[in-house]
Protein backbone atom coordinates (compact mmCIF):
# COMPACT_ATOMS: atom_id res chain seq x y z
CA LEU A 1 85.81 38.62 65.58
CA ILE A 2 88.96 39.08 67.61
CA ASP A 3 90.09 42.34 66.05
CA ASP A 4 88.32 45.61 65.34
CA ASN A 5 88.07 45.15 61.57
CA PHE A 6 84.68 46.20 60.26
CA LYS A 7 82.80 43.31 58.69
CA PRO A 8 80.01 44.36 56.33
CA ASN A 9 76.77 42.41 56.65
CA LEU A 10 77.36 41.74 60.36
CA ILE A 11 75.68 43.55 63.21
CA PRO A 12 78.35 45.23 65.41
CA TYR A 13 79.94 43.30 68.26
CA SER A 14 82.09 44.17 71.23
CA PRO A 15 84.47 42.19 73.47
CA GLY A 16 83.30 41.85 77.06
CA LYS A 17 85.50 42.09 80.13
CA THR A 18 85.96 38.30 80.24
CA GLY A 19 87.06 38.11 76.60
CA THR A 20 83.65 36.85 75.51
CA PHE A 21 82.14 38.73 72.59
CA PHE A 22 78.71 40.27 72.93
CA ILE A 23 76.43 41.55 70.24
CA ILE A 24 75.66 45.24 70.59
CA LYS A 25 71.90 45.42 70.35
CA GLU A 26 70.90 48.28 68.13
CA PHE A 27 67.83 49.06 66.11
CA LEU A 28 68.27 47.85 62.57
CA GLU A 29 65.79 49.10 59.98
CA GLY A 30 64.66 46.19 57.83
CA ASN A 31 62.71 42.97 57.76
CA GLN A 32 63.62 39.61 59.21
CA MET A 33 63.73 36.89 56.60
CA GLU A 34 61.04 34.27 56.94
CA PHE A 35 61.12 30.51 56.36
CA GLY A 36 61.20 29.93 52.62
CA ASP A 37 62.65 33.35 51.76
CA LYS A 38 65.71 33.26 49.51
CA ILE A 39 68.57 35.64 48.80
CA THR A 40 68.61 35.99 45.02
CA SER A 41 71.24 38.69 44.47
CA ARG A 42 74.59 37.14 43.49
CA TYR A 43 76.31 40.15 45.06
CA ASN A 44 74.59 39.55 48.43
CA GLN A 45 75.19 35.80 48.20
CA ARG A 46 78.89 36.43 47.70
CA ALA A 47 78.97 39.04 50.49
CA LEU A 48 77.36 36.64 53.00
CA THR A 49 79.59 33.75 51.93
CA GLU A 50 82.70 35.91 52.37
CA LEU A 51 81.41 37.08 55.76
CA VAL A 52 80.84 33.52 56.99
CA GLU A 53 84.27 32.46 55.74
CA SER A 54 85.89 35.42 57.53
CA ILE A 55 84.08 34.50 60.77
CA HIS A 56 85.39 30.95 60.35
CA GLU A 57 88.92 32.32 59.84
CA GLU A 58 88.56 34.15 63.16
CA GLY A 59 87.88 30.78 64.81
CA PHE A 60 84.09 30.71 65.15
CA ALA A 61 81.55 28.30 63.64
CA ASP A 62 78.06 26.83 64.19
CA LEU A 63 76.53 30.17 63.28
CA ASP A 64 72.84 29.17 63.24
CA LEU A 65 72.41 30.36 59.66
CA GLU A 66 68.70 30.39 59.02
CA PRO A 67 66.20 32.98 57.78
CA LYS A 68 65.24 34.29 61.22
CA ASN A 69 68.87 35.34 61.77
CA ILE A 70 69.12 37.57 58.71
CA ILE A 71 67.65 41.05 58.39
CA ILE A 72 67.08 42.51 54.92
CA THR A 73 67.50 46.30 55.00
CA SER A 74 65.52 48.76 52.88
CA ASP A 75 68.33 48.77 50.28
CA LYS A 76 68.09 44.93 50.12
CA THR A 77 71.33 44.33 52.03
CA PRO A 78 71.29 41.15 54.15
CA ILE A 79 72.68 41.57 57.68
CA LEU A 80 73.63 38.54 59.80
CA ILE A 81 72.36 38.76 63.40
CA ASP A 82 72.20 36.53 66.49
CA LEU A 83 75.51 34.70 66.78
CA ASP A 84 74.70 33.49 70.30
CA SER A 85 75.13 29.82 69.38
CA ALA A 86 78.55 30.25 67.71
CA VAL A 87 81.35 28.12 69.10
CA SER A 88 85.05 28.95 69.24
CA ILE A 89 87.84 26.65 68.09
CA LYS A 90 89.56 27.74 71.31
CA ASP A 91 86.94 25.80 73.29
CA LYS A 92 88.73 22.81 74.78
CA ASN A 93 85.83 20.52 73.81
CA PHE A 94 86.32 21.00 70.06
CA SER A 95 88.79 19.11 67.94
CA LYS A 96 89.90 20.62 64.64
CA HIS A 97 87.96 17.85 62.88
CA ARG A 98 84.72 18.69 64.69
CA PHE A 99 85.25 22.39 64.07
CA ALA A 100 85.72 21.66 60.35
CA GLU A 101 82.41 19.78 60.34
CA TYR A 102 80.68 22.83 61.84
CA LYS A 103 82.20 25.05 59.16
CA ILE A 104 80.97 22.75 56.39
CA ASN A 105 77.51 22.68 57.98
CA ASP A 106 77.47 26.50 58.15
CA LEU A 107 78.22 26.77 54.42
CA ARG A 108 75.54 24.18 53.58
CA ASN A 109 72.98 26.05 55.66
CA LEU A 110 73.95 29.32 53.99
CA GLU A 111 73.59 27.76 50.54
CA LYS A 112 70.02 26.73 51.43
CA LEU A 113 69.20 30.45 51.77
CA PHE A 114 70.26 31.19 48.20
CA TYR A 115 68.15 30.88 45.07
């Protein structure tokens, strides 16, 4: 999230004056997933997995991956929203080991959303 590369399946973001990233709130046509909903498309499963891995590569984890944080658009594309709880590896309170645990937990939570 440090550069301006477009990431599909992620609501746009913008760096703030302090270097903190903020989500740009915009209207997104679609429906919020509900508890128990599953993503069944292998294409969308792969797209979300690649997105989460790319966010991890940028140094962020603990992404709060649950149904309420995914919007399904009219063309059935899942969009990840609400990254407010994400933590940065640059935070002085996080060891590389703890950050790795968060990444593993993110991928487990994502897998729970797949059918």
